[in-house]
N, C-alpha and C. Protein backbone atom coordinates (compact mmCIF):
# COMPACT_ATOMS: atom_id res chain seq x y z
N UNK A 1 80.70 60.29 114.58
CA UNK A 1 79.75 61.46 114.58
C UNK A 1 78.83 61.33 113.37
N UNK A 2 77.65 61.79 113.56
CA UNK A 2 76.67 61.81 112.47
C UNK A 2 77.03 62.98 111.54
N UNK A 3 76.59 62.86 110.27
CA UNK A 3 76.80 64.04 109.31
C UNK A 3 76.16 65.28 109.79
N UNK A 4 74.98 65.22 110.50
CA UNK A 4 74.32 66.42 110.93
C UNK A 4 75.17 67.19 111.99
N UNK A 5 75.80 66.45 112.85
CA UNK A 5 76.60 67.02 113.90
C UNK A 5 77.81 67.67 113.25
N UNK A 6 78.46 67.01 112.31
CA UNK A 6 79.59 67.58 111.64
C UNK A 6 79.23 68.86 110.88
N UNK A 7 78.08 68.85 110.24
CA UNK A 7 77.62 70.04 109.52
C UNK A 7 77.38 71.22 110.50
N UNK A 8 76.79 70.92 111.62
CA UNK A 8 76.51 71.92 112.65
C UNK A 8 77.83 72.50 113.14
N UNK A 9 78.84 71.62 113.45
CA UNK A 9 80.11 72.12 113.90
C UNK A 9 80.80 73.03 112.93
N UNK A 10 80.72 72.63 111.61
CA UNK A 10 81.32 73.43 110.55
C UNK A 10 80.66 74.80 110.51
N UNK A 11 79.26 74.84 110.52
CA UNK A 11 78.53 76.02 110.43
C UNK A 11 78.84 76.99 111.59
N UNK A 12 79.03 76.41 112.80
CA UNK A 12 79.34 77.20 113.97
C UNK A 12 80.79 77.64 114.04
N UNK A 13 81.73 76.82 113.45
CA UNK A 13 83.11 77.18 113.50
C UNK A 13 83.49 78.20 112.51
N UNK A 14 82.87 78.28 111.40
CA UNK A 14 83.23 79.25 110.34
C UNK A 14 83.15 80.69 110.81
N UNK A 15 82.02 81.14 111.37
CA UNK A 15 81.94 82.52 111.88
C UNK A 15 82.96 82.76 113.05
N UNK A 16 83.13 81.77 113.94
CA UNK A 16 84.02 81.85 115.02
C UNK A 16 85.48 82.04 114.49
N UNK A 17 85.84 81.29 113.46
CA UNK A 17 87.21 81.54 112.88
C UNK A 17 87.39 82.88 112.35
N UNK A 18 86.40 83.45 111.71
CA UNK A 18 86.42 84.85 111.21
C UNK A 18 86.58 85.84 112.26
N UNK A 19 85.85 85.67 113.42
CA UNK A 19 85.85 86.62 114.49
C UNK A 19 87.19 86.61 115.24
N UNK A 20 87.77 85.38 115.39
CA UNK A 20 89.00 85.24 116.13
C UNK A 20 90.20 85.43 115.21
N UNK A 21 90.01 85.63 113.95
CA UNK A 21 91.07 85.87 112.99
C UNK A 21 92.13 84.78 113.02
N UNK A 22 91.62 83.47 113.01
CA UNK A 22 92.52 82.38 113.00
C UNK A 22 93.01 82.25 111.59
N UNK A 23 94.36 82.15 111.44
CA UNK A 23 94.97 82.02 110.12
C UNK A 23 95.81 80.78 110.11
N UNK A 24 95.64 80.03 109.08
CA UNK A 24 96.48 78.76 108.90
C UNK A 24 97.62 78.93 108.02
N UNK A 25 97.96 80.16 107.59
CA UNK A 25 99.03 80.51 106.67
C UNK A 25 99.83 81.74 107.09
N UNK A 26 100.62 81.55 108.22
CA UNK A 26 101.37 82.68 108.72
C UNK A 26 102.44 83.10 107.67
N UNK A 27 102.70 84.40 107.60
CA UNK A 27 103.67 84.86 106.61
C UNK A 27 105.10 84.40 106.89
N UNK A 28 105.39 84.22 108.16
CA UNK A 28 106.73 83.75 108.50
C UNK A 28 107.01 82.34 108.05
N UNK A 29 106.05 81.58 107.57
CA UNK A 29 106.25 80.27 107.03
C UNK A 29 106.08 80.22 105.47
N UNK A 30 106.20 81.35 104.86
CA UNK A 30 106.21 81.43 103.39
C UNK A 30 107.56 82.02 102.90
N UNK A 31 108.13 81.34 101.94
CA UNK A 31 109.41 81.80 101.41
C UNK A 31 109.33 81.86 99.89
N UNK A 32 109.78 83.01 99.37
CA UNK A 32 109.84 83.19 97.88
C UNK A 32 111.28 83.26 97.45
N UNK A 33 111.68 82.43 96.44
CA UNK A 33 113.06 82.40 95.97
C UNK A 33 113.03 82.86 94.47
N UNK A 34 113.95 83.75 94.13
CA UNK A 34 114.02 84.31 92.81
C UNK A 34 115.46 84.01 92.21
N UNK A 35 115.46 83.55 90.99
CA UNK A 35 116.68 83.23 90.31
C UNK A 35 116.66 83.89 88.91
N UNK A 36 117.75 84.60 88.60
CA UNK A 36 117.84 85.21 87.23
C UNK A 36 118.43 84.21 86.28
N UNK A 37 117.84 84.06 85.13
CA UNK A 37 118.27 83.11 84.16
C UNK A 37 118.31 83.74 82.76
N UNK A 38 119.39 83.58 82.15
CA UNK A 38 119.67 84.10 80.81
C UNK A 38 119.26 85.56 80.56
N UNK A 39 119.65 86.37 81.50
CA UNK A 39 119.33 87.80 81.35
C UNK A 39 120.66 88.55 81.41
N UNK A 40 120.70 89.65 80.58
CA UNK A 40 121.90 90.50 80.60
C UNK A 40 121.54 91.84 81.26
N UNK A 41 120.27 91.99 81.76
CA UNK A 41 119.87 93.30 82.24
C UNK A 41 119.99 93.35 83.76
N UNK A 42 120.23 94.55 84.29
CA UNK A 42 120.21 94.79 85.67
C UNK A 42 118.70 95.04 86.09
N UNK A 43 118.29 94.34 87.17
CA UNK A 43 116.90 94.58 87.70
C UNK A 43 116.82 94.31 89.20
N UNK A 44 115.74 94.83 89.72
CA UNK A 44 115.45 94.73 91.14
C UNK A 44 114.07 94.11 91.33
N UNK A 45 113.90 93.35 92.36
CA UNK A 45 112.61 92.79 92.71
C UNK A 45 112.24 93.21 94.17
N UNK A 46 111.03 93.57 94.29
CA UNK A 46 110.48 93.83 95.63
C UNK A 46 109.18 93.07 95.82
N UNK A 47 109.09 92.40 96.96
CA UNK A 47 107.91 91.57 97.22
C UNK A 47 107.12 92.26 98.28
N UNK A 48 105.81 92.34 98.02
CA UNK A 48 104.82 92.96 99.00
C UNK A 48 103.90 91.89 99.50
N UNK A 49 103.85 91.64 100.81
CA UNK A 49 103.00 90.66 101.39
C UNK A 49 101.67 91.24 101.69
N UNK A 50 100.68 90.40 101.92
CA UNK A 50 99.30 90.91 102.27
C UNK A 50 99.23 91.73 103.55
N UNK A 51 100.24 91.56 104.37
CA UNK A 51 100.27 92.30 105.68
C UNK A 51 100.86 93.65 105.49
N UNK A 52 101.37 93.95 104.31
CA UNK A 52 101.99 95.27 104.08
C UNK A 52 103.53 95.30 104.15
N UNK A 53 104.09 94.14 104.64
CA UNK A 53 105.51 94.07 104.71
C UNK A 53 106.19 94.06 103.31
N UNK A 54 107.26 94.83 103.16
CA UNK A 54 107.95 94.91 101.90
C UNK A 54 109.31 94.27 102.08
N UNK A 55 109.76 93.56 101.08
CA UNK A 55 111.09 93.03 101.10
C UNK A 55 112.06 94.11 100.72
N UNK A 56 113.36 94.00 101.05
CA UNK A 56 114.34 94.93 100.58
C UNK A 56 114.42 94.80 99.07
N UNK A 57 114.97 95.73 98.39
CA UNK A 57 115.16 95.65 96.96
C UNK A 57 116.16 94.55 96.66
N UNK A 58 115.75 93.52 95.98
CA UNK A 58 116.66 92.40 95.70
C UNK A 58 117.29 92.71 94.34
N UNK A 59 118.58 92.91 94.35
CA UNK A 59 119.32 93.29 93.15
C UNK A 59 119.93 92.14 92.39
N UNK A 60 119.67 92.15 91.09
CA UNK A 60 120.22 91.10 90.20
C UNK A 60 121.02 91.81 89.09
N UNK A 61 122.25 91.45 88.90
CA UNK A 61 123.06 92.08 87.88
C UNK A 61 123.68 91.12 86.92
N UNK A 62 123.70 89.77 87.24
CA UNK A 62 124.23 88.76 86.35
C UNK A 62 123.28 87.58 86.37
N UNK A 63 123.39 86.78 85.31
CA UNK A 63 122.55 85.58 85.23
C UNK A 63 122.96 84.60 86.23
N UNK A 64 121.99 83.86 86.83
CA UNK A 64 122.34 82.83 87.82
C UNK A 64 122.32 83.27 89.24
N UNK A 65 122.03 84.58 89.50
CA UNK A 65 121.97 85.06 90.88
C UNK A 65 120.65 84.60 91.50
N UNK A 66 120.71 84.32 92.80
CA UNK A 66 119.55 83.83 93.57
C UNK A 66 119.36 84.68 94.80
N UNK A 67 118.17 85.14 95.08
CA UNK A 67 117.82 85.89 96.35
C UNK A 67 116.54 85.22 96.89
N UNK A 68 116.41 85.36 98.23
CA UNK A 68 115.25 84.76 98.96
C UNK A 68 114.59 85.88 99.79
N UNK A 69 113.29 85.69 99.93
CA UNK A 69 112.53 86.63 100.82
C UNK A 69 111.56 85.83 101.67
N UNK A 70 111.70 85.93 102.95
CA UNK A 70 110.82 85.27 103.93
C UNK A 70 110.41 86.35 104.89
N UNK A 71 109.16 86.74 104.93
CA UNK A 71 108.70 87.88 105.85
C UNK A 71 108.98 87.53 107.31
N UNK A 72 109.17 88.60 108.01
CA UNK A 72 109.46 88.46 109.45
C UNK A 72 108.24 88.69 110.34
N UNK A 73 107.31 89.48 109.82
CA UNK A 73 106.15 89.76 110.59
C UNK A 73 105.27 88.45 110.73
N UNK A 74 104.87 88.16 111.98
CA UNK A 74 104.07 86.97 112.14
C UNK A 74 102.55 87.35 112.07
N UNK A 75 102.06 87.31 110.88
CA UNK A 75 100.62 87.70 110.60
C UNK A 75 100.14 86.74 109.53
N UNK A 76 98.96 86.91 109.13
CA UNK A 76 98.30 86.02 108.20
C UNK A 76 98.81 86.33 106.79
N UNK A 77 99.29 85.27 106.10
CA UNK A 77 99.83 85.45 104.77
C UNK A 77 98.87 85.01 103.68
N UNK A 78 97.62 84.71 104.08
CA UNK A 78 96.58 84.34 103.15
C UNK A 78 96.12 85.61 102.41
N UNK A 79 96.26 85.60 101.12
CA UNK A 79 95.78 86.71 100.32
C UNK A 79 96.69 87.04 99.11
N UNK A 80 96.60 88.27 98.61
CA UNK A 80 97.40 88.63 97.43
C UNK A 80 98.77 89.11 97.79
N UNK A 81 99.72 88.42 97.25
CA UNK A 81 101.19 88.81 97.33
C UNK A 81 101.53 89.47 95.97
N UNK A 82 102.42 90.42 95.98
CA UNK A 82 102.85 91.01 94.72
C UNK A 82 104.36 90.87 94.58
N UNK A 83 104.75 90.62 93.37
CA UNK A 83 106.17 90.64 92.99
C UNK A 83 106.32 91.83 91.97
N UNK A 84 107.04 92.80 92.36
CA UNK A 84 107.23 94.00 91.54
C UNK A 84 108.69 93.99 91.03
N UNK A 85 108.80 94.21 89.70
CA UNK A 85 110.12 94.18 89.09
C UNK A 85 110.40 95.53 88.53
N UNK A 86 111.60 96.03 88.85
CA UNK A 86 112.12 97.31 88.37
C UNK A 86 113.36 97.04 87.46
N UNK A 87 113.54 97.84 86.43
CA UNK A 87 114.78 97.79 85.61
C UNK A 87 115.51 99.04 85.73
N UNK A 88 116.76 98.99 85.46
CA UNK A 88 117.61 100.17 85.52
C UNK A 88 117.27 101.12 84.38
N UNK A 89 117.17 102.46 84.76
CA UNK A 89 116.88 103.53 83.76
C UNK A 89 118.21 104.20 83.42
N UNK A 90 118.74 103.85 82.27
CA UNK A 90 120.06 104.34 81.82
C UNK A 90 119.96 105.77 81.28
N UNK A 91 118.74 106.27 81.00
CA UNK A 91 118.60 107.64 80.46
C UNK A 91 118.76 108.73 81.46
N UNK A 92 118.84 108.39 82.73
CA UNK A 92 118.99 109.30 83.82
C UNK A 92 120.30 109.15 84.53
N UNK A 93 120.99 110.23 84.92
CA UNK A 93 122.27 110.09 85.62
C UNK A 93 122.05 109.49 87.06
N UNK A 94 122.98 108.71 87.47
CA UNK A 94 122.91 108.10 88.80
C UNK A 94 122.18 106.78 88.71
N UNK A 95 121.75 106.33 89.90
CA UNK A 95 121.14 105.03 89.94
C UNK A 95 119.57 105.19 90.02
N UNK A 96 118.88 105.09 88.97
CA UNK A 96 117.47 105.21 88.95
C UNK A 96 116.88 103.94 88.37
N UNK A 97 115.62 103.62 88.69
CA UNK A 97 115.04 102.47 88.13
C UNK A 97 113.55 102.72 87.81
N UNK A 98 113.03 101.93 86.92
CA UNK A 98 111.63 102.14 86.42
C UNK A 98 110.84 100.85 86.72
N UNK A 99 109.59 100.98 86.92
CA UNK A 99 108.64 99.87 87.06
C UNK A 99 108.57 99.12 85.77
N UNK A 100 108.78 97.80 85.80
CA UNK A 100 108.68 96.99 84.63
C UNK A 100 107.46 96.11 84.63
N UNK A 101 107.21 95.40 85.74
CA UNK A 101 106.08 94.54 85.76
C UNK A 101 105.66 94.30 87.24
N UNK A 102 104.38 93.96 87.37
CA UNK A 102 103.80 93.68 88.73
C UNK A 102 103.04 92.35 88.55
N UNK A 103 103.36 91.38 89.31
CA UNK A 103 102.69 90.09 89.29
C UNK A 103 102.02 89.83 90.58
N UNK A 104 100.70 89.67 90.59
CA UNK A 104 99.89 89.42 91.76
C UNK A 104 99.68 87.92 91.94
N UNK A 105 99.92 87.47 93.12
CA UNK A 105 99.79 86.04 93.42
C UNK A 105 98.84 85.86 94.61
N UNK A 106 97.65 85.38 94.35
CA UNK A 106 96.75 85.08 95.44
C UNK A 106 97.12 83.70 96.09
N UNK A 107 97.87 83.77 97.15
CA UNK A 107 98.40 82.57 97.78
C UNK A 107 97.59 81.97 98.95
N UNK A 108 97.65 80.74 99.13
CA UNK A 108 96.97 80.06 100.27
C UNK A 108 97.83 78.97 100.84
N UNK A 109 98.17 78.99 102.03
CA UNK A 109 98.97 77.93 102.67
C UNK A 109 100.41 78.43 103.01
N UNK A 110 101.21 77.47 103.37
CA UNK A 110 102.57 77.79 103.71
C UNK A 110 103.54 76.94 102.77
N UNK A 111 104.73 77.38 102.67
CA UNK A 111 105.66 76.67 101.80
C UNK A 111 106.63 77.55 101.11
N UNK A 112 107.15 77.06 99.98
CA UNK A 112 108.20 77.70 99.21
C UNK A 112 107.73 77.84 97.75
N UNK A 113 107.93 79.06 97.16
CA UNK A 113 107.70 79.30 95.75
C UNK A 113 109.07 79.68 95.12
N UNK A 114 109.41 79.02 94.06
CA UNK A 114 110.64 79.42 93.36
C UNK A 114 110.27 79.98 91.97
N UNK A 115 110.85 81.16 91.70
CA UNK A 115 110.63 81.89 90.48
C UNK A 115 111.88 81.94 89.63
N UNK A 116 111.71 81.93 88.34
CA UNK A 116 112.83 82.17 87.39
C UNK A 116 112.44 83.46 86.65
N UNK A 117 113.41 84.37 86.48
CA UNK A 117 113.17 85.58 85.82
C UNK A 117 114.09 85.65 84.61
N UNK A 118 113.58 85.71 83.41
CA UNK A 118 114.37 85.68 82.16
C UNK A 118 114.60 87.07 81.65
N UNK A 119 114.95 87.19 80.38
CA UNK A 119 115.23 88.37 79.74
C UNK A 119 113.99 89.31 79.59
N UNK A 120 112.84 88.71 79.62
CA UNK A 120 111.57 89.51 79.53
C UNK A 120 111.20 90.13 80.88
N UNK A 121 111.95 89.91 81.90
CA UNK A 121 111.76 90.45 83.27
C UNK A 121 110.38 90.08 83.82
N UNK A 122 109.84 88.93 83.51
CA UNK A 122 108.54 88.49 84.09
C UNK A 122 108.85 87.26 84.98
N UNK A 123 108.48 87.40 86.26
CA UNK A 123 108.71 86.16 87.08
C UNK A 123 107.76 85.03 86.76
N UNK A 124 108.37 83.88 86.55
CA UNK A 124 107.54 82.69 86.23
C UNK A 124 107.80 81.60 87.32
N UNK A 125 106.74 81.06 87.82
CA UNK A 125 106.87 80.03 88.91
C UNK A 125 107.59 78.77 88.27
N UNK A 126 108.67 78.40 88.92
CA UNK A 126 109.42 77.30 88.47
C UNK A 126 109.10 76.05 89.28
N UNK A 127 108.98 76.23 90.59
CA UNK A 127 108.56 75.08 91.40
C UNK A 127 107.80 75.60 92.64
N UNK A 128 107.09 74.68 93.26
CA UNK A 128 106.35 75.09 94.49
C UNK A 128 106.38 73.94 95.41
N UNK A 129 106.46 74.22 96.70
CA UNK A 129 106.46 73.19 97.72
C UNK A 129 105.33 73.56 98.75
N UNK A 130 104.28 72.76 98.81
CA UNK A 130 103.16 72.87 99.69
C UNK A 130 102.16 73.99 99.41
N UNK A 131 102.71 75.12 98.97
CA UNK A 131 101.88 76.31 98.90
C UNK A 131 101.01 76.22 97.60
N UNK A 132 99.80 76.73 97.65
CA UNK A 132 98.96 76.69 96.48
C UNK A 132 98.45 78.08 96.10
N UNK A 133 98.15 78.22 94.81
CA UNK A 133 97.65 79.50 94.31
C UNK A 133 96.18 79.48 94.18
N UNK A 134 95.52 80.46 94.73
CA UNK A 134 94.00 80.59 94.64
C UNK A 134 93.60 81.01 93.27
N UNK A 135 92.44 80.62 92.81
CA UNK A 135 91.97 81.09 91.57
C UNK A 135 91.68 82.58 91.71
N UNK A 136 91.88 83.36 90.58
CA UNK A 136 91.59 84.81 90.61
C UNK A 136 90.09 85.09 90.89
N UNK A 137 89.85 86.15 91.58
CA UNK A 137 88.50 86.53 91.96
C UNK A 137 87.88 87.34 90.83
N UNK A 138 86.54 87.26 90.62
CA UNK A 138 85.95 87.96 89.50
C UNK A 138 85.64 89.47 89.85
N UNK A 139 85.71 89.79 91.16
CA UNK A 139 85.42 91.11 91.51
C UNK A 139 86.71 91.89 91.80
N UNK A 140 87.66 91.83 90.85
CA UNK A 140 88.97 92.37 91.14
C UNK A 140 89.11 93.89 90.66
N UNK A 141 88.02 94.53 90.27
CA UNK A 141 88.11 95.95 89.95
C UNK A 141 87.24 96.72 90.87
N UNK A 142 87.77 97.73 91.54
CA UNK A 142 87.05 98.59 92.45
C UNK A 142 87.05 99.98 91.88
N UNK A 143 85.92 100.62 91.74
CA UNK A 143 85.87 101.98 91.23
C UNK A 143 85.24 102.87 92.32
N UNK A 144 85.80 104.07 92.51
CA UNK A 144 85.23 105.01 93.46
C UNK A 144 85.79 106.34 93.25
N UNK A 145 85.33 107.33 94.02
CA UNK A 145 85.91 108.65 93.95
C UNK A 145 86.61 109.00 95.28
N UNK A 146 87.74 109.72 95.20
CA UNK A 146 88.46 110.02 96.32
C UNK A 146 88.85 111.55 96.27
N UNK A 147 88.91 112.15 97.38
CA UNK A 147 89.43 113.58 97.47
C UNK A 147 90.81 113.48 97.94
N UNK A 148 91.73 114.09 97.10
CA UNK A 148 93.10 114.09 97.51
C UNK A 148 93.36 115.38 98.31
N UNK A 149 94.62 115.61 98.64
CA UNK A 149 95.04 116.74 99.55
C UNK A 149 94.70 118.15 98.88
N UNK A 150 94.70 118.18 97.57
CA UNK A 150 94.42 119.45 96.94
C UNK A 150 92.93 119.64 96.67
N UNK A 151 92.07 118.82 97.25
CA UNK A 151 90.58 118.89 97.19
C UNK A 151 90.04 118.71 95.82
N UNK A 152 90.76 118.18 94.90
CA UNK A 152 90.28 117.90 93.60
C UNK A 152 89.77 116.41 93.62
N UNK A 153 88.65 116.18 92.89
CA UNK A 153 88.12 114.88 92.86
C UNK A 153 88.77 114.08 91.82
N UNK A 154 89.20 112.89 92.10
CA UNK A 154 89.80 111.98 91.08
C UNK A 154 89.20 110.64 91.27
N UNK A 155 89.13 109.96 90.12
CA UNK A 155 88.56 108.64 90.10
C UNK A 155 89.61 107.59 90.23
N UNK A 156 89.33 106.62 91.19
CA UNK A 156 90.28 105.53 91.37
C UNK A 156 89.72 104.28 90.76
N UNK A 157 90.45 103.75 89.86
CA UNK A 157 90.06 102.45 89.29
C UNK A 157 91.29 101.60 89.34
N UNK A 158 91.24 100.58 90.23
CA UNK A 158 92.43 99.80 90.45
C UNK A 158 92.11 98.35 90.49
N UNK A 159 92.99 97.53 90.03
CA UNK A 159 92.87 96.15 90.05
C UNK A 159 93.39 95.67 91.44
N UNK A 160 93.13 94.39 91.76
CA UNK A 160 93.55 93.87 93.07
C UNK A 160 95.01 94.08 93.29
N UNK A 161 95.81 93.97 92.22
CA UNK A 161 97.26 94.08 92.37
C UNK A 161 97.62 95.46 92.85
N UNK A 162 96.96 96.48 92.43
CA UNK A 162 97.24 97.87 92.88
C UNK A 162 96.68 98.11 94.28
N UNK A 163 95.55 97.56 94.54
CA UNK A 163 94.93 97.70 95.91
C UNK A 163 95.82 97.13 96.97
N UNK A 164 96.33 95.94 96.72
CA UNK A 164 97.16 95.30 97.77
C UNK A 164 98.50 95.99 97.91
N UNK A 165 98.87 96.89 96.98
CA UNK A 165 100.16 97.61 96.99
C UNK A 165 100.05 98.94 97.72
N UNK A 166 99.13 99.11 98.60
CA UNK A 166 99.09 100.40 99.32
C UNK A 166 97.72 101.07 99.17
N UNK A 167 96.87 100.67 98.30
CA UNK A 167 95.57 101.28 98.26
C UNK A 167 94.65 100.63 99.23
N UNK A 168 94.97 99.51 99.80
CA UNK A 168 94.06 98.78 100.67
C UNK A 168 93.56 99.58 101.81
N UNK A 169 94.43 100.39 102.59
CA UNK A 169 93.90 101.21 103.65
C UNK A 169 92.87 102.30 103.15
N UNK A 170 93.18 102.82 101.98
CA UNK A 170 92.30 103.82 101.33
C UNK A 170 90.97 103.29 101.00
N UNK A 171 91.04 102.04 100.38
CA UNK A 171 89.77 101.37 100.02
C UNK A 171 88.97 101.00 101.19
N UNK A 172 89.66 100.52 102.24
CA UNK A 172 88.92 100.15 103.53
C UNK A 172 88.21 101.43 104.08
N UNK A 173 88.96 102.52 104.05
CA UNK A 173 88.34 103.82 104.56
C UNK A 173 87.18 104.20 103.71
N UNK A 174 87.25 104.08 102.45
CA UNK A 174 86.13 104.40 101.52
C UNK A 174 84.89 103.52 101.78
N UNK A 175 85.17 102.31 102.00
CA UNK A 175 84.10 101.32 102.26
C UNK A 175 83.40 101.71 103.56
N UNK A 176 84.19 102.10 104.58
CA UNK A 176 83.55 102.42 105.91
C UNK A 176 82.69 103.72 105.73
N UNK A 177 83.12 104.63 104.81
CA UNK A 177 82.40 105.87 104.59
C UNK A 177 81.28 105.73 103.51
N UNK A 178 81.17 104.43 103.06
CA UNK A 178 80.17 104.12 102.00
C UNK A 178 80.39 105.00 100.70
N UNK A 179 81.64 105.35 100.45
CA UNK A 179 81.95 106.16 99.20
C UNK A 179 82.02 105.22 98.02
N UNK A 180 82.35 103.95 98.24
CA UNK A 180 82.40 103.02 97.15
C UNK A 180 81.17 102.05 97.19
């Protein structure tokens, strides 16, 4: 084929792919593995996929424990994934935990990511198989105004990590109403 024909095919296929929502990275083919290393703290990990699926709270109480999360929803896994880490709050009676860190991973492709979590409770990528990380986008801050249920106006300023954690439907609604 000539280069002109290939260029024309690419130009025509790109909008068609967007309209048909063809995804080459289904969430069911992405697996995240977490291992606790040299930590004496109790902590929990929750993974949030771009589709909105949440992992169960993965509990770590000793060093060397390993847990896996592979989403069950068969949807597009291309986008921002979040790894949220909670630590145990000993100042409250019963079993309570506090948010410690949130790591946003813009992933592309299918495969396996393995994380190690040390005493600082920050997940660090130890190894990766086939999956790649997209570069961060420059437009990761969205600012707008929202009316909450008590009719008071509040300003929402959130980074991409917060938006993909449940603000996405709200932001989409605001964009449709041209509020942002």
